[in-house]
Amino acid sequence: MGGEHILIIDDDPDVREALKLMLTPGGFELTMCANGPQGRAAAHKRRPDLIILDIMLSTVSEGFDIAYDFGKDETLAKVPIIMISSIGNTIGMDYAKEIGANYMPAQNFLSKPLETATMLEAVEEALAIARKGGDFTRTKWGQTPADP
């Protein structure tokens, strides 16, 4: 574990700091972005190995829009995305159940507040599949093939 580049896009400085505290000890290189435009620019400047993306940024669905756009981009389509949000708790929607459906453009969804063990497990799982050449192309959003 470690050494991979993770792009974090979240408008909450406390969440960014918590993710930094969770992931830095694992040797991950982090790029932190506070909004969607910064995140898009950072992803195009240097392709990340993994993206952690908040659903609610400047709008309630901006994270979805970013994930869909990354899924259509040849350079970023195979980068795994872990979406995070507290919106599910607020509106009673269980986004995790949408993984594998056309609705969820990510490989995993985690509810805030984030737990370190759960986050590390999700990160390592996504990166392990990517290291083995797993195809994260989101033609069927959220579905990943069986390990090669």
Protein backbone atom coordinates (compact mmCIF):
# COMPACT_ATOMS: atom_id res chain seq x y z
CA MET A 1 0.00 0.00 0.00
CA GLY A 2 1.12 3.53 -0.66
CA GLY A 3 2.93 5.60 -3.25
CA GLU A 4 -0.17 6.13 -5.36
CA HIS A 5 -1.53 9.58 -6.17
CA ILE A 6 -5.01 10.29 -4.76
CA LEU A 7 -7.03 13.31 -5.81
CA ILE A 8 -9.46 14.51 -3.13
CA ILE A 9 -12.23 16.89 -4.13
CA ASP A 10 -14.27 18.10 -1.14
CA ASP A 11 -15.36 21.60 -0.15
CA ASP A 12 -15.17 20.91 3.59
CA PRO A 13 -11.71 21.70 5.00
CA ASP A 14 -12.35 19.42 7.98
CA VAL A 15 -13.05 16.46 5.70
CA ARG A 16 -9.94 17.20 3.64
CA GLU A 17 -7.87 17.34 6.83
CA ALA A 18 -9.42 14.09 8.11
CA LEU A 19 -8.63 12.35 4.82
CA LYS A 20 -5.08 13.67 4.99
CA LEU A 21 -4.70 12.22 8.49
CA MET A 22 -6.16 8.87 7.33
CA LEU A 23 -4.18 8.48 4.11
CA THR A 24 -0.80 10.14 4.62
CA PRO A 25 0.52 7.42 6.98
CA GLY A 26 -0.07 4.90 4.16
CA GLY A 27 2.41 6.74 1.96
CA PHE A 28 -0.19 8.07 -0.46
CA GLU A 29 0.54 11.28 -2.33
CA LEU A 30 -2.47 13.56 -1.98
CA THR A 31 -3.75 16.44 -4.04
CA MET A 32 -6.44 18.37 -2.18
CA CYS A 33 -9.02 20.47 -4.00
CA ALA A 34 -11.73 22.58 -2.38
CA ASN A 35 -14.09 22.79 -5.35
CA GLY A 36 -15.06 21.21 -8.64
CA PRO A 37 -13.10 23.49 -11.00
CA GLN A 38 -9.90 22.97 -8.98
CA GLY A 39 -10.50 19.21 -8.98
CA ARG A 40 -11.12 19.05 -12.71
CA ALA A 41 -7.96 21.07 -13.40
CA ALA A 42 -5.87 18.92 -11.05
CA ALA A 43 -7.13 15.68 -12.64
CA HIS A 44 -6.19 16.93 -16.10
CA LYS A 45 -2.85 18.30 -14.97
CA ARG A 46 -1.77 15.01 -13.42
CA ARG A 47 -3.76 11.81 -13.76
CA PRO A 48 -4.51 10.41 -10.29
CA ASP A 49 -4.53 6.71 -9.40
CA LEU A 50 -7.75 7.24 -7.42
CA ILE A 51 -10.28 10.02 -6.91
CA ILE A 52 -12.19 10.65 -3.68
CA LEU A 53 -15.08 12.92 -4.62
CA ASP A 54 -17.75 14.62 -2.53
CA ILE A 55 -21.21 14.58 -4.08
CA MET A 56 -22.28 18.02 -2.85
CA LEU A 57 -19.90 20.79 -3.83
CA SER A 58 -21.28 24.08 -5.20
CA THR A 59 -24.53 22.28 -6.07
CA VAL A 60 -26.19 19.16 -4.67
CA SER A 61 -25.15 17.13 -7.71
CA GLU A 62 -21.83 18.64 -8.82
CA GLY A 63 -19.91 15.54 -7.72
CA PHE A 64 -22.10 13.39 -9.97
CA ASP A 65 -21.50 15.78 -12.87
CA ILE A 66 -17.74 15.61 -12.36
CA ALA A 67 -17.77 11.80 -12.12
CA TYR A 68 -19.84 11.47 -15.30
CA ASP A 69 -17.48 13.85 -17.14
CA PHE A 70 -14.42 11.92 -15.93
CA GLY A 71 -16.08 8.72 -17.13
CA LYS A 72 -16.29 10.14 -20.65
CA ASP A 73 -12.66 11.33 -20.65
CA GLU A 74 -10.22 8.83 -22.22
CA THR A 75 -7.48 9.74 -19.76
CA LEU A 76 -9.65 9.53 -16.63
CA ALA A 77 -12.28 6.92 -17.49
CA LYS A 78 -10.32 4.09 -15.90
CA VAL A 79 -9.49 5.95 -12.69
CA PRO A 80 -11.52 4.52 -9.78
CA ILE A 81 -13.75 6.94 -7.91
CA ILE A 82 -14.90 6.72 -4.32
CA MET A 83 -17.79 9.11 -3.74
CA ILE A 84 -18.43 10.48 -0.27
CA SER A 85 -21.30 12.47 1.20
CA SER A 86 -23.48 13.09 4.21
CA ILE A 87 -26.48 13.80 1.97
CA GLY A 88 -27.70 10.22 2.21
CA ASN A 89 -28.13 10.62 5.95
CA THR A 90 -29.94 13.92 5.44
CA ILE A 91 -32.43 12.80 2.81
CA GLY A 92 -32.62 9.12 3.71
CA MET A 93 -31.08 7.87 0.45
CA ASP A 94 -28.73 4.90 0.65
CA TYR A 95 -26.33 5.71 -2.18
CA ALA A 96 -24.28 2.59 -1.46
CA LYS A 97 -27.20 0.51 -2.76
CA GLU A 98 -26.90 2.35 -6.08
CA ILE A 99 -23.38 1.03 -6.77
CA GLY A 100 -23.62 -0.97 -9.95
CA ALA A 101 -26.68 0.94 -11.09
CA ASN A 102 -26.62 3.54 -13.83
CA TYR A 103 -27.28 6.16 -11.16
CA MET A 104 -23.98 5.89 -9.27
CA PRO A 105 -20.93 6.85 -11.36
CA ALA A 106 -18.39 5.44 -8.91
CA GLN A 107 -16.82 2.23 -7.71
CA ASN A 108 -17.73 2.84 -4.08
CA PHE A 109 -19.74 5.19 -1.89
CA LEU A 110 -18.99 6.04 1.72
CA SER A 111 -21.20 8.03 4.06
CA LYS A 112 -19.81 10.82 6.19
CA PRO A 113 -18.64 10.88 8.88
CA LEU A 114 -15.86 8.76 7.46
CA GLU A 115 -14.28 5.97 9.46
CA THR A 116 -10.56 5.40 8.96
CA ALA A 117 -10.71 1.61 8.65
CA THR A 118 -13.58 1.76 6.15
CA MET A 119 -11.84 4.44 4.07
CA LEU A 120 -8.53 2.58 4.01
CA GLU A 121 -10.28 -0.64 3.00
CA ALA A 122 -12.15 1.10 0.16
CA VAL A 123 -8.98 2.83 -1.06
CA GLU A 124 -6.91 -0.33 -0.99
CA GLU A 125 -9.65 -2.37 -2.70
CA ALA A 126 -9.99 0.12 -5.56
CA LEU A 127 -6.22 0.48 -5.99
CA ALA A 128 -5.66 -3.30 -5.85
CA ILE A 129 -8.08 -3.84 -8.72
CA ALA A 130 -6.46 -0.98 -10.66
CA ARG A 131 -2.96 -2.41 -10.04
CA LYS A 132 -4.07 -5.75 -11.49
CA GLY A 133 -5.25 -4.00 -14.61
CA GLY A 134 -8.91 -3.97 -13.63
CA ASP A 135 -11.05 -1.96 -16.00
CA PHE A 136 -12.75 0.93 -14.24
CA THR A 137 -14.29 2.22 -17.42
CA ARG A 138 -17.70 3.33 -16.25
CA THR A 139 -19.75 2.13 -19.20
CA LYS A 140 -22.00 0.49 -16.63
CA TRP A 141 -21.51 3.02 -13.88
CA GLY A 142 -20.09 1.63 -10.68
CA GLN A 143 -19.60 -1.93 -11.89
CA THR A 144 -16.13 -3.39 -11.81
CA PRO A 145 -15.11 -6.67 -13.39
CA ALA A 146 -14.04 -9.65 -11.37
CA ASP A 147 -10.35 -9.68 -10.52
CA PRO A 148 -8.32 -10.60 -13.64
